[in-house]
Protein backbone atom coordinates (compact mmCIF):
# COMPACT_ATOMS: atom_id res chain seq x y z
CA LEU A 1 0.13 0.16 -0.06
CA LEU A 2 1.19 3.51 -0.84
CA ARG A 3 0.61 6.74 1.03
CA GLU A 4 -1.66 9.24 -0.69
CA ALA A 5 -0.07 12.89 -1.33
CA ALA A 6 -2.99 14.96 -0.36
CA ARG A 7 -4.79 12.59 2.18
CA PRO A 8 -4.02 10.78 5.35
CA VAL A 9 -4.76 7.36 3.80
CA LEU A 10 -2.80 4.28 2.23
CA THR A 11 -3.90 2.85 -1.07
CA THR A 12 -3.43 -0.86 -2.14
CA ILE A 13 -1.48 -0.96 -5.42
CA GLY A 14 -0.36 -4.61 -5.41
CA THR A 15 -1.35 -7.92 -3.78
CA ARG A 16 -0.36 -11.58 -4.17
CA GLY A 17 -1.91 -14.69 -2.62
CA TYR A 18 -5.48 -13.41 -2.14
CA GLY A 19 -8.76 -14.46 -4.06
CA ARG A 20 -9.40 -10.90 -4.81
CA THR A 21 -6.68 -8.32 -5.29
CA GLY A 22 -8.19 -5.32 -3.69
CA ILE A 23 -6.32 -2.91 -5.82
CA GLY A 24 -7.41 0.51 -5.11
CA SER A 25 -8.83 -0.28 -1.51
CA GLU A 26 -7.76 2.33 1.11
CA ILE A 27 -7.09 2.40 4.96
CA ALA A 28 -6.62 5.50 7.13
CA ILE A 29 -3.11 6.13 8.65
CA GLY A 30 -3.51 5.04 12.16
CA GLU A 31 -6.21 2.43 11.69
CA GLY A 32 -5.51 -1.24 12.29
CA VAL A 33 -2.17 -2.95 11.65
CA ILE A 34 -1.43 -1.41 8.48
CA GLY A 35 -2.44 2.11 9.53
CA GLY A 36 -0.54 1.63 12.77
CA ALA A 37 2.71 0.77 11.14
CA ALA A 38 2.22 3.80 8.90
CA ALA A 39 1.58 6.26 11.92
CA THR A 40 4.50 4.97 14.04
CA LEU A 41 6.99 4.35 11.36
CA HIS A 42 7.56 0.90 13.08
CA PRO A 43 6.73 -2.62 12.32
CA VAL A 44 3.36 -3.87 13.97
CA LYS A 45 3.05 -7.60 14.50
CA ILE A 46 0.11 -9.80 15.67
CA SER A 47 0.75 -13.32 16.19
CA ASP A 48 -2.70 -14.69 17.08
CA LEU A 49 -5.94 -12.92 15.29
CA SER A 50 -8.31 -15.31 16.66
CA ARG A 51 -9.70 -12.96 19.11
CA VAL A 52 -10.16 -9.97 16.76
CA ARG A 53 -11.55 -12.02 13.49
CA ARG A 54 -15.08 -11.45 14.18
CA PHE A 55 -14.45 -7.69 14.40
CA SER A 56 -12.33 -7.63 11.28
CA ALA A 57 -15.00 -9.44 9.39
CA ALA A 58 -17.63 -6.99 10.51
CA ILE A 59 -15.36 -4.15 9.07
CA THR A 60 -15.14 -5.99 5.74
CA LEU A 61 -18.78 -6.52 5.43
CA SER A 62 -19.49 -2.92 6.13
CA THR A 63 -16.98 -1.63 3.72
CA VAL A 64 -18.56 -3.88 0.85
CA GLU A 65 -21.49 -2.03 1.27
CA GLU A 66 -20.08 1.37 0.46
CA ALA A 67 -20.56 2.39 -3.22
CA ARG A 68 -17.30 4.18 -3.74
CA SER A 69 -14.97 1.87 -1.76
CA ILE A 70 -12.91 -1.22 -2.78
CA PRO A 71 -12.61 -3.59 0.33
CA LEU A 72 -9.05 -4.51 1.48
CA PRO A 73 -8.00 -8.17 0.66
CA GLY A 74 -7.93 -10.54 3.49
CA LEU A 75 -6.62 -14.06 3.91
CA ASP A 76 -9.38 -16.37 5.27
CA GLY A 77 -8.38 -17.67 8.67
CA ALA A 78 -5.34 -15.56 8.90
CA MET A 79 -3.84 -15.73 12.41
CA SER A 80 -0.47 -13.71 12.21
CA GLN A 81 -0.02 -10.44 10.54
CA LEU A 82 3.28 -8.28 9.90
CA ALA A 83 3.00 -4.75 8.62
CA VAL A 84 6.16 -2.90 8.03
CA PRO A 85 6.42 0.66 6.94
CA ILE A 86 7.98 1.46 3.63
CA GLN A 87 10.37 4.50 4.10
CA PHE A 88 12.66 6.74 2.12
CA HIS A 89 15.03 9.23 4.03
CA LYS A 90 12.75 8.77 7.07
CA ARG A 91 9.63 9.72 5.24
CA LEU A 92 6.65 7.35 4.88
CA VAL A 93 6.18 6.10 1.45
CA GLY A 94 3.62 3.19 2.25
CA VAL A 95 3.40 -0.21 4.04
CA VAL A 96 3.89 -3.66 3.27
CA LEU A 97 1.66 -6.17 4.97
CA ILE A 98 2.32 -10.16 4.99
CA GLU A 99 -0.15 -12.79 6.62
CA SER A 100 -0.32 -16.33 7.63
CA ARG A 101 -2.99 -18.90 8.74
CA ASN A 102 -0.57 -20.11 11.28
CA ARG A 103 -0.11 -18.62 14.68
CA LEU A 104 3.29 -16.97 15.64
CA ALA A 105 4.34 -17.33 11.82
CA PHE A 106 6.58 -14.35 11.75
CA GLY A 107 9.92 -14.39 14.01
CA ARG A 108 12.70 -11.88 13.81
CA GLU A 109 14.08 -13.40 10.74
CA ALA A 110 11.12 -12.88 8.84
CA GLU A 111 10.62 -9.14 10.26
CA VAL A 112 14.12 -8.33 9.12
CA LEU A 113 13.62 -9.70 5.72
CA VAL A 114 10.41 -7.62 5.21
CA GLU A 115 12.16 -4.64 6.47
CA VAL A 116 14.97 -5.13 3.64
CA VAL A 117 12.27 -5.51 1.11
CA ALA A 118 10.52 -2.30 2.24
CA ARG A 119 13.82 -0.28 2.40
CA LEU A 120 14.40 -1.56 -1.47
CA ALA A 121 10.80 -0.64 -2.44
CA GLY A 122 11.16 2.86 -0.83
CA ALA A 123 14.28 3.62 -2.93
CA ALA A 124 12.66 2.15 -6.18
CA ILE A 125 9.38 4.27 -5.69
CA ALA A 126 11.36 7.45 -4.84
CA TYR A 127 13.57 6.73 -7.92
CA SER A 128 10.50 6.10 -10.22
CA ASP A 129 8.90 9.40 -8.89
CA ALA A 130 12.09 11.34 -9.65
CA ALA A 131 12.75 9.96 -12.97
CA GLY A 132 9.12 10.50 -14.12
CA ALA A 133 9.16 14.19 -12.97
CA SER A 134 12.06 14.94 -15.08
CA GLU A 135 10.90 12.87 -18.14
CA ALA A 136 9.99 14.93 -21.41
CA ALA A 137 9.63 12.15 -23.86
CA PRO A 138 8.20 13.66 -27.29
CA ILE A 139 4.78 12.51 -28.67
CA THR A 140 5.42 11.05 -32.15
CA ALA A 141 1.93 9.61 -32.69
CA PRO A 142 -0.37 11.99 -34.90
CA PRO A 143 -3.90 12.51 -33.25
CA VAL A 144 -6.56 10.44 -34.51
CA ALA A 145 -10.24 10.75 -34.82
CA PRO A 146 -12.19 9.89 -31.60
CA GLN A 147 -13.58 6.38 -32.11
CA LEU A 148 -17.28 5.97 -33.35
CA GLY A 149 -19.43 3.20 -32.58
CA PRO A 150 -21.13 2.18 -29.37
CA SER A 151 -20.56 4.55 -26.59
CA PHE A 152 -20.24 3.55 -22.99
CA LYS A 153 -21.14 5.50 -20.00
CA VAL A 154 -18.48 7.23 -17.80
CA LEU A 155 -19.91 9.13 -14.56
CA HIS A 156 -17.49 11.47 -12.74
CA HIS A 157 -18.34 12.65 -9.43
CA ASN A 158 -16.67 15.99 -8.85
CA PHE A 159 -16.52 15.97 -5.00
CA ASP A 160 -14.18 12.98 -4.64
CA ASP A 161 -13.09 12.38 -8.35
CA SER A 162 -14.84 8.86 -8.24
CA ILE A 163 -15.47 7.15 -11.68
CA PHE A 164 -18.15 4.70 -12.41
CA ILE A 165 -18.16 2.99 -15.82
CA GLU A 166 -21.29 1.60 -17.00
CA ASP A 167 -22.58 2.17 -13.28
CA SER A 168 -19.73 0.09 -12.03
CA TYR A 169 -17.35 1.72 -9.59
CA VAL A 170 -13.69 1.97 -10.89
CA ILE A 171 -11.52 4.29 -8.96
CA LYS A 172 -11.52 7.76 -7.17
CA GLY A 173 -8.82 10.59 -6.17
CA VAL A 174 -5.95 11.40 -8.07
CA ALA A 175 -6.37 8.15 -10.21
CA GLY A 176 -9.85 9.12 -10.99
CA ARG A 177 -8.87 12.62 -12.14
CA LEU A 178 -6.16 11.25 -14.37
CA LEU A 179 -8.68 9.04 -16.23
CA ILE A 180 -11.09 11.70 -16.53
CA LEU A 181 -8.49 14.10 -17.95
CA ILE A 182 -7.20 11.58 -20.21
CA LEU A 183 -10.52 10.77 -21.65
CA GLU A 184 -11.39 14.40 -22.02
CA LEU A 185 -8.20 15.37 -23.76
CA HIS A 186 -9.04 12.39 -26.24
CA LEU A 187 -12.51 13.62 -27.14
CA LYS A 188 -11.48 17.21 -27.57
CA GLN A 189 -8.06 16.72 -29.48
CA GLY A 190 -8.32 13.18 -30.88
CA ARG A 191 -5.28 12.14 -29.15
CA THR A 192 -4.53 8.69 -27.73
CA ASP A 193 -0.78 9.14 -26.78
CA PHE A 194 0.25 11.10 -23.76
CA THR A 195 3.22 11.63 -21.55
CA ASN A 196 3.49 11.53 -17.76
CA ARG A 197 5.19 14.85 -17.79
CA GLU A 198 2.36 16.72 -19.50
CA LEU A 199 -0.42 15.24 -17.26
CA ARG A 200 1.75 16.15 -14.12
CA LEU A 201 1.88 19.68 -15.24
CA ASN A 202 -1.83 19.88 -16.33
CA GLU A 203 -3.66 22.29 -13.75
CA ALA A 204 -6.60 20.11 -14.02
CA MET A 205 -4.64 17.40 -11.99
CA ARG A 206 -4.17 19.83 -8.95
CA LEU A 207 -1.26 17.85 -8.01
CA PRO A 208 0.71 18.99 -4.91
CA ASP A 209 4.08 20.49 -5.50
CA PHE A 210 5.99 18.46 -2.94
CA LYS A 211 5.07 15.10 -4.08
CA ASP A 212 2.55 13.61 -6.51
CA ASN A 213 3.33 9.93 -6.90
CA LEU A 214 1.93 10.29 -10.49
CA GLU A 215 3.55 7.08 -11.63
CA THR A 216 2.25 4.96 -8.84
CA ARG A 217 -1.11 6.37 -9.61
CA LEU A 218 -0.91 5.38 -13.29
CA LEU A 219 0.19 2.04 -12.25
CA LEU A 220 -2.86 1.69 -9.91
CA LEU A 221 -5.17 3.18 -12.62
CA ARG A 222 -3.84 0.61 -15.24
CA ARG A 223 -4.23 -2.50 -13.06
CA ARG A 224 -7.79 -1.34 -11.79
CA LEU A 225 -8.99 -1.00 -15.33
CA GLU A 226 -7.50 -4.41 -16.26
CA GLU A 227 -9.08 -5.94 -13.30
CA LYS A 228 -12.58 -4.57 -14.06
CA GLN A 229 -12.37 -5.34 -17.83
CA ALA A 230 -13.13 -1.83 -18.48
CA PRO A 231 -13.69 -0.58 -22.09
CA VAL A 232 -10.88 1.69 -21.57
CA ARG A 233 -7.16 0.63 -21.08
CA LEU A 234 -3.95 2.49 -20.51
CA VAL A 235 -0.94 0.85 -22.14
CA HIS A 236 2.56 1.81 -21.25
CA VAL A 237 4.34 2.34 -24.49
CA GLY A 238 7.75 3.66 -23.35
CA ARG A 239 9.54 5.89 -20.78
CA GLY A 240 7.09 8.33 -19.58
CA GLN A 241 4.64 7.49 -22.30
CA LEU A 242 1.30 5.83 -22.26
CA ARG A 243 -1.45 5.08 -24.90
CA LEU A 244 -5.25 5.19 -24.52
CA ASP A 245 -7.02 2.01 -25.97
CA LEU A 246 -10.77 2.27 -26.13
CA GLN A 247 -13.49 -0.13 -27.21
CA GLY A 248 -16.21 2.55 -28.03
CA ARG A 249 -16.67 6.17 -27.42
CA PRO A 250 -16.75 7.37 -23.80
CA ALA A 251 -19.72 9.39 -22.96
CA ILE A 252 -18.79 11.47 -19.81
CA GLN A 253 -21.31 12.81 -17.38
CA HIS A 254 -20.00 14.95 -14.46
CA VAL A 255 -22.30 15.21 -11.35
């Protein structure tokens, strides 16, 4: 999970070993095992979850019922959890969480190993953001006419930038603003190719000056669109470049 630049939350950008990916799910800093590791910048470990399992299940059920949220993934029957903060120069970048169905699953050796992974991840994410911010790759593909044929509905909620495609929730926040900006540029200019740099500098993105995590938001958005099998995809075509792939014409509505 990575920290949002403008809000005190962490967003899931990748998972492994779960029945559902949970990509795009959020948890507040300070909440639970994950949020606790983020708030304290120290590992948090639980070795027997049997006493809190019912409470965790109730939280998951209530989250599923919310229209604009994605439930956090969870390992059925998990007994042990270890959350380690991802840092770079003592600044919170995110959190990595591992789970096991066994009690007392994670000893000191496992904790040290995950801490090493977290340090490497922090450096890699910081490098990716820095490289993306300085990237100025040229656009070589000419504009194309907006695709004709069957249209699909894209609903954009202005207050939280949540996006619904054909009444199915996709994403919100910075990633939602990214998607709606790209779609509107396509409809206005007939373009399908974009650079990370131009998106970062576009005033409509309202990105903070100190940290924007644009590259990780694009990664989150690409994975979420693929997971939803949406009629719109974003394809990485080169360093700092992406291409819009549509199956039909987006009909955008702002509310």
